[in-house]
Amino acid sequence: KATSRPNIIVIFSDDHALQAISAYGSPYVKTPNIDRIGREGVVFT
């Protein structure tokens, strides 16, 4: 409430397939920390 400007962190990986993220239903691997971002925010499909 005291600040209108957030800090911003962009985590940008290289060649990360949607099929390798459990938030997208990956049958191969679990990615709980990446999933948390979407669970507590938004997932862009």
All heavy atoms as atom14 arrays in JSON, in Angstrom:
{
  "sequence": "KATSRPNIIVIFSDDHALQAISAYGSPYVKTPNIDRIGREGVVFT",
  "atom14_mask": [
    [1, 1, 1, 1, 1, 1, 1, 1, 1, 0, 0, 0, 0, 0],
    [1, 1, 1, 1, 1, 0, 0, 0, 0, 0, 0, 0, 0, 0],
    [1, 1, 1, 1, 1, 1, 1, 0, 0, 0, 0, 0, 0, 0],
    [1, 1, 1, 1, 1, 1, 0, 0, 0, 0, 0, 0, 0, 0],
    [1, 1, 1, 1, 1, 1, 1, 1, 1, 1, 1, 0, 0, 0],
    [1, 1, 1, 1, 1, 1, 1, 0, 0, 0, 0, 0, 0, 0],
    [1, 1, 1, 1, 1, 1, 1, 1, 0, 0, 0, 0, 0, 0],
    [1, 1, 1, 1, 1, 1, 1, 1, 0, 0, 0, 0, 0, 0],
    [1, 1, 1, 1, 1, 1, 1, 1, 0, 0, 0, 0, 0, 0],
    [1, 1, 1, 1, 1, 1, 1, 0, 0, 0, 0, 0, 0, 0],
    [1, 1, 1, 1, 1, 1, 1, 1, 0, 0, 0, 0, 0, 0],
    [1, 1, 1, 1, 1, 1, 1, 1, 1, 1, 1, 0, 0, 0],
    [1, 1, 1, 1, 1, 1, 0, 0, 0, 0, 0, 0, 0, 0],
    [1, 1, 1, 1, 1, 1, 1, 1, 0, 0, 0, 0, 0, 0],
    [1, 1, 1, 1, 1, 1, 1, 1, 0, 0, 0, 0, 0, 0],
    [1, 1, 1, 1, 1, 1, 1, 1, 1, 1, 0, 0, 0, 0],
    [1, 1, 1, 1, 1, 0, 0, 0, 0, 0, 0, 0, 0, 0],
    [1, 1, 1, 1, 1, 1, 1, 1, 0, 0, 0, 0, 0, 0],
    [1, 1, 1, 1, 1, 1, 1, 1, 1, 0, 0, 0, 0, 0],
    [1, 1, 1, 1, 1, 0, 0, 0, 0, 0, 0, 0, 0, 0],
    [1, 1, 1, 1, 1, 1, 1, 1, 0, 0, 0, 0, 0, 0],
    [1, 1, 1, 1, 1, 1, 0, 0, 0, 0, 0, 0, 0, 0],
    [1, 1, 1, 1, 1, 0, 0, 0, 0, 0, 0, 0, 0, 0],
    [1, 1, 1, 1, 1, 1, 1, 1, 1, 1, 1, 1, 0, 0],
    [1, 1, 1, 1, 0, 0, 0, 0, 0, 0, 0, 0, 0, 0],
    [1, 1, 1, 1, 1, 1, 0, 0, 0, 0, 0, 0, 0, 0],
    [1, 1, 1, 1, 1, 1, 1, 0, 0, 0, 0, 0, 0, 0],
    [1, 1, 1, 1, 1, 1, 1, 1, 1, 1, 1, 1, 0, 0],
    [1, 1, 1, 1, 1, 1, 1, 0, 0, 0, 0, 0, 0, 0],
    [1, 1, 1, 1, 1, 1, 1, 1, 1, 0, 0, 0, 0, 0],
    [1, 1, 1, 1, 1, 1, 1, 0, 0, 0, 0, 0, 0, 0],
    [1, 1, 1, 1, 1, 1, 1, 0, 0, 0, 0, 0, 0, 0],
    [1, 1, 1, 1, 1, 1, 1, 1, 0, 0, 0, 0, 0, 0],
    [1, 1, 1, 1, 1, 1, 1, 1, 0, 0, 0, 0, 0, 0],
    [1, 1, 1, 1, 1, 1, 1, 1, 0, 0, 0, 0, 0, 0],
    [1, 1, 1, 1, 1, 1, 1, 1, 1, 1, 1, 0, 0, 0],
    [1, 1, 1, 1, 1, 1, 1, 1, 0, 0, 0, 0, 0, 0],
    [1, 1, 1, 1, 0, 0, 0, 0, 0, 0, 0, 0, 0, 0],
    [1, 1, 1, 1, 1, 1, 1, 1, 1, 1, 1, 0, 0, 0],
    [1, 1, 1, 1, 1, 1, 1, 1, 1, 0, 0, 0, 0, 0],
    [1, 1, 1, 1, 0, 0, 0, 0, 0, 0, 0, 0, 0, 0],
    [1, 1, 1, 1, 1, 1, 1, 0, 0, 0, 0, 0, 0, 0],
    [1, 1, 1, 1, 1, 1, 1, 0, 0, 0, 0, 0, 0, 0],
    [1, 1, 1, 1, 1, 1, 1, 1, 1, 1, 1, 0, 0, 0],
    [1, 1, 1, 1, 1, 1, 1, 0, 0, 0, 0, 0, 0, 0]
  ],
  "atom14_positions": [
    [[0.82, -1.21, 0.0], [0.0, 0.0, 0.0], [0.86, 1.26, 0.0], [0.41, 2.33, -0.39], [-0.92, 0.0, 1.23], [-1.94, -1.13, 1.21], [-2.8, -1.1, 2.45], [-3.81, -2.25, 2.44], [-4.65, -2.24, 3.66], [0.0, 0.0, 0.0], [0.0, 0.0, 0.0], [0.0, 0.0, 0.0], [0.0, 0.0, 0.0], [0.0, 0.0, 0.0]],
    [[2.1, 1.12, 0.43], [2.98, 2.28, 0.51], [3.81, 2.48, -0.75], [4.51, 3.46, -0.88], [3.9, 2.16, 1.72], [0.0, 0.0, 0.0], [0.0, 0.0, 0.0], [0.0, 0.0, 0.0], [0.0, 0.0, 0.0], [0.0, 0.0, 0.0], [0.0, 0.0, 0.0], [0.0, 0.0, 0.0], [0.0, 0.0, 0.0], [0.0, 0.0, 0.0]],
    [[3.74, 1.55, -1.66], [4.52, 1.68, -2.89], [3.71, 1.17, -4.06], [3.02, 0.16, -3.96], [5.85, 0.91, -2.8], [6.52, 1.03, -4.06], [5.63, -0.56, -2.48], [0.0, 0.0, 0.0], [0.0, 0.0, 0.0], [0.0, 0.0, 0.0], [0.0, 0.0, 0.0], [0.0, 0.0, 0.0], [0.0, 0.0, 0.0], [0.0, 0.0, 0.0]],
    [[3.77, 1.88, -5.18], [3.0, 1.47, -6.35], [3.88, 0.82, -7.39], [3.39, 0.4, -8.44], [2.3, 2.7, -6.96], [3.27, 3.68, -7.35], [0.0, 0.0, 0.0], [0.0, 0.0, 0.0], [0.0, 0.0, 0.0], [0.0, 0.0, 0.0], [0.0, 0.0, 0.0], [0.0, 0.0, 0.0], [0.0, 0.0, 0.0], [0.0, 0.0, 0.0]],
    [[5.18, 0.74, -7.13], [6.09, 0.21, -8.14], [6.79, -1.03, -7.61], [7.62, -0.96, -6.7], [7.12, 1.27, -8.53], [6.47, 2.52, -9.11], [7.45, 3.34, -9.91], [8.55, 3.82, -9.09], [9.63, 4.41, -9.58], [9.76, 4.54, -10.89], [10.58, 4.84, -8.78], [0.0, 0.0, 0.0], [0.0, 0.0, 0.0], [0.0, 0.0, 0.0]],
    [[6.47, -2.17, -8.18], [7.08, -3.41, -7.71], [8.48, -3.59, -8.26], [8.85, -2.99, -9.27], [6.15, -4.48, -8.29], [5.7, -3.87, -9.58], [5.53, -2.4, -9.28], [0.0, 0.0, 0.0], [0.0, 0.0, 0.0], [0.0, 0.0, 0.0], [0.0, 0.0, 0.0], [0.0, 0.0, 0.0], [0.0, 0.0, 0.0], [0.0, 0.0, 0.0]],
    [[9.26, -4.4, -7.6], [10.47, -4.92, -8.22], [10.03, -5.99, -9.23], [8.94, -6.56, -9.13], [11.39, -5.54, -7.17], [11.83, -4.51, -6.15], [12.27, -3.42, -6.49], [11.69, -4.86, -4.89], [0.0, 0.0, 0.0], [0.0, 0.0, 0.0], [0.0, 0.0, 0.0], [0.0, 0.0, 0.0], [0.0, 0.0, 0.0], [0.0, 0.0, 0.0]],
    [[10.89, -6.27, -10.19], [10.54, -7.21, -11.26], [11.72, -8.15, -11.49], [12.85, -7.68, -11.66], [10.2, -6.48, -12.57], [9.01, -5.53, -12.36], [9.9, -7.47, -13.69], [8.8, -4.55, -13.5], [0.0, 0.0, 0.0], [0.0, 0.0, 0.0], [0.0, 0.0, 0.0], [0.0, 0.0, 0.0], [0.0, 0.0, 0.0], [0.0, 0.0, 0.0]],
    [[11.46, -9.43, -11.46], [12.48, -10.42, -11.8], [11.95, -11.27, -12.96], [10.87, -11.83, -12.89], [12.84, -11.34, -10.63], [13.42, -10.55, -9.47], [13.86, -12.38, -11.09], [13.7, -11.4, -8.26], [0.0, 0.0, 0.0], [0.0, 0.0, 0.0], [0.0, 0.0, 0.0], [0.0, 0.0, 0.0], [0.0, 0.0, 0.0], [0.0, 0.0, 0.0]],
    [[12.71, -11.34, -14.02], [12.37, -12.17, -15.16], [13.33, -13.36, -15.16], [14.53, -13.18, -15.31], [12.5, -11.39, -16.48], [12.13, -12.29, -17.66], [11.65, -10.14, -16.46], [0.0, 0.0, 0.0], [0.0, 0.0, 0.0], [0.0, 0.0, 0.0], [0.0, 0.0, 0.0], [0.0, 0.0, 0.0], [0.0, 0.0, 0.0], [0.0, 0.0, 0.0]],
    [[12.8, -14.54, -14.99], [13.62, -15.76, -15.07], [13.38, -16.35, -16.46], [12.28, -16.77, -16.79], [13.25, -16.78, -13.98], [13.25, -16.12, -12.6], [14.24, -17.95, -14.01], [12.78, -17.03, -11.49], [0.0, 0.0, 0.0], [0.0, 0.0, 0.0], [0.0, 0.0, 0.0], [0.0, 0.0, 0.0], [0.0, 0.0, 0.0], [0.0, 0.0, 0.0]],
    [[14.44, -16.35, -17.26], [14.31, -16.69, -18.68], [15.26, -17.82, -19.01], [16.47, -17.64, -19.09], [14.66, -15.44, -19.49], [14.04, -15.4, -20.86], [12.66, -15.31, -21.03], [14.84, -15.4, -22.0], [12.09, -15.24, -22.29], [14.27, -15.32, -23.26], [12.9, -15.24, -23.41], [0.0, 0.0, 0.0], [0.0, 0.0, 0.0], [0.0, 0.0, 0.0]],
    [[14.72, -19.01, -19.2], [15.55, -20.17, -19.5], [15.68, -20.35, -21.01], [15.18, -19.54, -21.8], [14.95, -21.43, -18.86], [13.65, -21.66, -19.37], [0.0, 0.0, 0.0], [0.0, 0.0, 0.0], [0.0, 0.0, 0.0], [0.0, 0.0, 0.0], [0.0, 0.0, 0.0], [0.0, 0.0, 0.0], [0.0, 0.0, 0.0], [0.0, 0.0, 0.0]],
    [[16.32, -21.42, -21.42], [16.62, -21.62, -22.84], [16.12, -22.99, -23.3], [16.53, -24.02, -22.77], [18.14, -21.52, -23.07], [18.49, -21.29, -24.52], [18.12, -22.13, -25.36], [19.15, -20.28, -24.83], [0.0, 0.0, 0.0], [0.0, 0.0, 0.0], [0.0, 0.0, 0.0], [0.0, 0.0, 0.0], [0.0, 0.0, 0.0], [0.0, 0.0, 0.0]],
    [[15.22, -22.98, -24.27], [14.71, -24.23, -24.87], [13.9, -25.08, -23.9], [13.92, -26.32, -23.98], [15.87, -25.08, -25.42], [16.53, -24.48, -26.64], [15.95, -23.57, -27.24], [17.64, -24.93, -27.0], [0.0, 0.0, 0.0], [0.0, 0.0, 0.0], [0.0, 0.0, 0.0], [0.0, 0.0, 0.0], [0.0, 0.0, 0.0], [0.0, 0.0, 0.0]],
    [[13.16, -24.47, -23.0], [12.37, -25.24, -22.05], [10.99, -25.52, -22.64], [10.14, -24.64, -22.77], [12.24, -24.49, -20.72], [11.74, -25.35, -19.62], [11.74, -24.95, -18.3], [11.23, -26.62, -19.6], [11.24, -25.92, -17.54], [10.92, -26.93, -18.32], [0.0, 0.0, 0.0], [0.0, 0.0, 0.0], [0.0, 0.0, 0.0], [0.0, 0.0, 0.0]],
    [[10.77, -26.76, -22.99], [9.51, -27.19, -23.6], [8.37, -27.22, -22.59], [8.58, -27.57, -21.42], [9.67, -28.58, -24.21], [0.0, 0.0, 0.0], [0.0, 0.0, 0.0], [0.0, 0.0, 0.0], [0.0, 0.0, 0.0], [0.0, 0.0, 0.0], [0.0, 0.0, 0.0], [0.0, 0.0, 0.0], [0.0, 0.0, 0.0], [0.0, 0.0, 0.0]],
    [[7.18, -26.86, -23.04], [6.01, -26.98, -22.18], [5.82, -28.42, -21.71], [5.35, -28.65, -20.58], [4.75, -26.53, -22.93], [4.38, -25.06, -22.82], [5.38, -24.19, -23.56], [2.97, -24.8, -23.37], [0.0, 0.0, 0.0], [0.0, 0.0, 0.0], [0.0, 0.0, 0.0], [0.0, 0.0, 0.0], [0.0, 0.0, 0.0], [0.0, 0.0, 0.0]],
    [[6.2, -29.38, -22.56], [6.02, -30.79, -22.23], [6.91, -31.2, -21.04], [6.75, -32.3, -20.51], [6.37, -31.69, -23.41], [5.76, -31.29, -24.73], [6.69, -30.39, -25.53], [6.85, -29.22, -25.21], [7.34, -30.94, -26.54], [0.0, 0.0, 0.0], [0.0, 0.0, 0.0], [0.0, 0.0, 0.0], [0.0, 0.0, 0.0], [0.0, 0.0, 0.0]],
    [[7.84, -30.34, -20.65], [8.75, -30.63, -19.54], [8.45, -29.74, -18.35], [9.36, -29.39, -17.57], [10.2, -30.48, -19.98], [0.0, 0.0, 0.0], [0.0, 0.0, 0.0], [0.0, 0.0, 0.0], [0.0, 0.0, 0.0], [0.0, 0.0, 0.0], [0.0, 0.0, 0.0], [0.0, 0.0, 0.0], [0.0, 0.0, 0.0], [0.0, 0.0, 0.0]],
    [[7.2, -29.37, -18.19], [6.75, -28.59, -17.03], [5.48, -29.25, -16.5], [4.5, -29.41, -17.24], [6.48, -27.12, -17.41], [7.75, -26.47, -17.96], [5.94, -26.35, -16.22], [7.51, -25.11, -18.56], [0.0, 0.0, 0.0], [0.0, 0.0, 0.0], [0.0, 0.0, 0.0], [0.0, 0.0, 0.0], [0.0, 0.0, 0.0], [0.0, 0.0, 0.0]],
    [[5.49, -29.62, -15.25], [4.33, -30.36, -14.75], [3.08, -29.5, -14.68], [1.96, -30.02, -14.72], [4.65, -30.99, -13.39], [5.23, -30.08, -12.49], [0.0, 0.0, 0.0], [0.0, 0.0, 0.0], [0.0, 0.0, 0.0], [0.0, 0.0, 0.0], [0.0, 0.0, 0.0], [0.0, 0.0, 0.0], [0.0, 0.0, 0.0], [0.0, 0.0, 0.0]],
    [[3.22, -28.19, -14.6], [2.05, -27.32, -14.65], [1.31, -27.45, -15.97], [0.12, -27.14, -16.06], [2.47, -25.86, -14.43], [0.0, 0.0, 0.0], [0.0, 0.0, 0.0], [0.0, 0.0, 0.0], [0.0, 0.0, 0.0], [0.0, 0.0, 0.0], [0.0, 0.0, 0.0], [0.0, 0.0, 0.0], [0.0, 0.0, 0.0], [0.0, 0.0, 0.0]],
    [[2.01, -27.9, -17.0], [1.38, -28.13, -18.3], [1.07, -29.6, -18.52], [0.81, -30.02, -19.64], [2.3, -27.62, -19.41], [2.37, -26.12, -19.5], [3.42, -25.43, -18.92], [1.38, -25.41, -20.13], [3.49, -24.05, -18.99], [1.43, -24.03, -20.21], [2.49, -23.35, -19.64], [2.55, -21.98, -19.69], [0.0, 0.0, 0.0], [0.0, 0.0, 0.0]],
    [[1.11, -30.37, -17.46], [0.74, -31.77, -17.58], [1.82, -32.68, -18.08], [1.54, -33.71, -18.69], [0.0, 0.0, 0.0], [0.0, 0.0, 0.0], [0.0, 0.0, 0.0], [0.0, 0.0, 0.0], [0.0, 0.0, 0.0], [0.0, 0.0, 0.0], [0.0, 0.0, 0.0], [0.0, 0.0, 0.0], [0.0, 0.0, 0.0], [0.0, 0.0, 0.0]],
    [[3.07, -32.33, -17.84], [4.17, -33.16, -18.33], [4.07, -34.59, -17.82], [3.9, -34.82, -16.62], [5.52, -32.58, -17.88], [6.58, -33.46, -18.23], [0.0, 0.0, 0.0], [0.0, 0.0, 0.0], [0.0, 0.0, 0.0], [0.0, 0.0, 0.0], [0.0, 0.0, 0.0], [0.0, 0.0, 0.0], [0.0, 0.0, 0.0], [0.0, 0.0, 0.0]],
    [[4.2, -35.57, -18.71], [4.25, -36.96, -18.28], [5.65, -37.4, -17.87], [5.85, -38.55, -17.49], [3.79, -37.72, -19.53], [4.32, -36.9, -20.65], [4.23, -35.46, -20.19], [0.0, 0.0, 0.0], [0.0, 0.0, 0.0], [0.0, 0.0, 0.0], [0.0, 0.0, 0.0], [0.0, 0.0, 0.0], [0.0, 0.0, 0.0], [0.0, 0.0, 0.0]],
    [[6.61, -36.48, -17.96], [8.02, -36.85, -17.79], [8.64, -36.41, -16.48], [9.51, -37.08, -15.93], [8.85, -36.23, -18.92], [8.36, -36.49, -20.31], [8.01, -35.44, -21.16], [8.23, -37.79, -20.8], [7.57, -35.67, -22.45], [7.78, -38.04, -22.09], [7.45, -36.97, -22.9], [7.02, -37.19, -24.18], [0.0, 0.0, 0.0], [0.0, 0.0, 0.0]],
    [[8.24, -35.22, -15.96], [9.01, -34.6, -14.89], [8.09, -33.74, -14.03], [7.07, -33.24, -14.5], [10.15, -33.74, -15.49], [9.6, -32.54, -16.24], [11.16, -33.31, -14.43], [0.0, 0.0, 0.0], [0.0, 0.0, 0.0], [0.0, 0.0, 0.0], [0.0, 0.0, 0.0], [0.0, 0.0, 0.0], [0.0, 0.0, 0.0], [0.0, 0.0, 0.0]],
    [[8.47, -33.57, -12.78], [7.77, -32.68, -11.85], [8.6, -31.4, -11.69], [9.82, -31.47, -11.47], [7.56, -33.34, -10.5], [6.7, -34.6, -10.54], [5.26, -34.29, -10.96], [4.39, -35.54, -10.92], [3.01, -35.26, -11.4], [0.0, 0.0, 0.0], [0.0, 0.0, 0.0], [0.0, 0.0, 0.0], [0.0, 0.0, 0.0], [0.0, 0.0, 0.0]],
    [[7.93, -30.26, -11.79], [8.6, -28.97, -11.6], [7.83, -28.14, -10.58], [7.15, -27.16, -10.92], [8.68, -28.22, -12.94], [7.36, -28.18, -13.53], [9.63, -28.92, -13.91], [0.0, 0.0, 0.0], [0.0, 0.0, 0.0], [0.0, 0.0, 0.0], [0.0, 0.0, 0.0], [0.0, 0.0, 0.0], [0.0, 0.0, 0.0], [0.0, 0.0, 0.0]],
    [[7.91, -28.5, -9.31], [7.04, -27.88, -8.3], [7.26, -26.38, -8.11], [6.32, -25.66, -7.78], [7.37, -28.67, -7.03], [8.74, -29.24, -7.27], [8.78, -29.54, -8.73], [0.0, 0.0, 0.0], [0.0, 0.0, 0.0], [0.0, 0.0, 0.0], [0.0, 0.0, 0.0], [0.0, 0.0, 0.0], [0.0, 0.0, 0.0], [0.0, 0.0, 0.0]],
    [[8.49, -25.92, -8.29], [8.75, -24.51, -8.04], [8.24, -23.62, -9.17], [7.67, -22.55, -8.93], [10.25, -24.31, -7.82], [10.75, -25.05, -6.6], [10.35, -24.77, -5.48], [11.59, -26.05, -6.81], [0.0, 0.0, 0.0], [0.0, 0.0, 0.0], [0.0, 0.0, 0.0], [0.0, 0.0, 0.0], [0.0, 0.0, 0.0], [0.0, 0.0, 0.0]],
    [[8.45, -24.06, -10.4], [7.85, -23.34, -11.53], [6.33, -23.39, -11.43], [5.64, -22.38, -11.64], [8.35, -23.93, -12.86], [9.86, -23.71, -13.0], [7.6, -23.32, -14.04], [10.49, -24.43, -14.17], [0.0, 0.0, 0.0], [0.0, 0.0, 0.0], [0.0, 0.0, 0.0], [0.0, 0.0, 0.0], [0.0, 0.0, 0.0], [0.0, 0.0, 0.0]],
    [[5.8, -24.56, -11.08], [4.35, -24.7, -10.93], [3.8, -23.71, -9.9], [2.7, -23.18, -10.07], [4.0, -26.12, -10.47], [4.33, -27.18, -11.49], [4.76, -26.84, -12.61], [4.17, -28.38, -11.16], [0.0, 0.0, 0.0], [0.0, 0.0, 0.0], [0.0, 0.0, 0.0], [0.0, 0.0, 0.0], [0.0, 0.0, 0.0], [0.0, 0.0, 0.0]],
    [[4.56, -23.48, -8.85], [4.09, -22.58, -7.79], [3.8, -21.19, -8.33], [2.83, -20.54, -7.9], [5.14, -22.51, -6.67], [4.74, -21.55, -5.55], [5.85, -21.35, -4.53], [5.5, -20.28, -3.61], [6.33, -19.77, -2.7], [7.56, -20.25, -2.59], [5.93, -18.78, -1.93], [0.0, 0.0, 0.0], [0.0, 0.0, 0.0], [0.0, 0.0, 0.0]],
    [[4.63, -20.71, -9.24], [4.41, -19.37, -9.81], [3.03, -19.3, -10.45], [2.27, -18.35, -10.24], [5.52, -19.04, -10.83], [6.88, -18.99, -10.15], [5.22, -17.7, -11.51], [8.04, -18.83, -11.11], [0.0, 0.0, 0.0], [0.0, 0.0, 0.0], [0.0, 0.0, 0.0], [0.0, 0.0, 0.0], [0.0, 0.0, 0.0], [0.0, 0.0, 0.0]],
    [[2.69, -20.31, -11.24], [1.39, -20.33, -11.88], [0.26, -20.56, -10.91], [-0.82, -19.97, -11.04], [0.0, 0.0, 0.0], [0.0, 0.0, 0.0], [0.0, 0.0, 0.0], [0.0, 0.0, 0.0], [0.0, 0.0, 0.0], [0.0, 0.0, 0.0], [0.0, 0.0, 0.0], [0.0, 0.0, 0.0], [0.0, 0.0, 0.0], [0.0, 0.0, 0.0]],
    [[0.49, -21.42, -9.93], [-0.57, -21.71, -8.95], [-0.92, -20.47, -8.14], [-2.09, -20.25, -7.77], [-0.1, -22.84, -8.02], [-1.18, -23.32, -7.06], [-0.71, -24.53, -6.26], [0.43, -24.22, -5.4], [1.67, -24.64, -5.6], [1.94, -25.39, -6.66], [2.64, -24.32, -4.76], [0.0, 0.0, 0.0], [0.0, 0.0, 0.0], [0.0, 0.0, 0.0]],
    [[0.08, -19.64, -7.85], [-0.15, -18.43, -7.07], [-0.32, -17.2, -7.97], [-0.37, -16.07, -7.48], [1.02, -18.22, -6.11], [1.15, -19.36, -5.09], [2.34, -19.21, -4.15], [3.1, -18.22, -4.29], [2.52, -20.07, -3.27], [0.0, 0.0, 0.0], [0.0, 0.0, 0.0], [0.0, 0.0, 0.0], [0.0, 0.0, 0.0], [0.0, 0.0, 0.0]],
    [[-0.41, -17.44, -9.27], [-0.57, -16.34, -10.22], [-1.37, -16.79, -11.42], [-2.5, -17.25, -11.29], [0.0, 0.0, 0.0], [0.0, 0.0, 0.0], [0.0, 0.0, 0.0], [0.0, 0.0, 0.0], [0.0, 0.0, 0.0], [0.0, 0.0, 0.0], [0.0, 0.0, 0.0], [0.0, 0.0, 0.0], [0.0, 0.0, 0.0], [0.0, 0.0, 0.0]],
    [[-0.75, -16.68, -12.61], [-1.46, -16.99, -13.84], [-0.61, -17.9, -14.72], [0.61, -17.77, -14.79], [-1.83, -15.71, -14.62], [-0.6, -14.87, -14.94], [-2.59, -16.03, -15.91], [0.0, 0.0, 0.0], [0.0, 0.0, 0.0], [0.0, 0.0, 0.0], [0.0, 0.0, 0.0], [0.0, 0.0, 0.0], [0.0, 0.0, 0.0], [0.0, 0.0, 0.0]],
    [[-1.28, -18.81, -15.4], [-0.67, -19.67, -16.4], [-1.18, -19.22, -17.77], [-2.38, -19.13, -18.0], [-1.03, -21.15, -16.18], [-0.47, -22.01, -17.31], [-0.53, -21.63, -14.84], [0.0, 0.0, 0.0], [0.0, 0.0, 0.0], [0.0, 0.0, 0.0], [0.0, 0.0, 0.0], [0.0, 0.0, 0.0], [0.0, 0.0, 0.0], [0.0, 0.0, 0.0]],
    [[-0.25, -18.96, -18.67], [-0.59, -18.6, -20.05], [-0.52, -19.87, -20.9], [0.54, -20.47, -21.04], [0.38, -17.56, -20.59], [0.26, -16.21, -19.96], [0.73, -15.97, -18.67], [-0.33, -15.16, -20.65], [0.62, -14.72, -18.08], [-0.46, -13.91, -20.07], [0.02, -13.69, -18.78], [0.0, 0.0, 0.0], [0.0, 0.0, 0.0], [0.0, 0.0, 0.0]],
    [[-1.63, -20.25, -21.46], [-1.66, -21.48, -22.24], [-1.43, -21.24, -23.73], [-1.25, -22.19, -24.48], [-3.01, -22.2, -22.06], [-4.05, -21.39, -22.62], [-3.28, -22.47, -20.59], [0.0, 0.0, 0.0], [0.0, 0.0, 0.0], [0.0, 0.0, 0.0], [0.0, 0.0, 0.0], [0.0, 0.0, 0.0], [0.0, 0.0, 0.0], [0.0, 0.0, 0.0]]
  ]
}
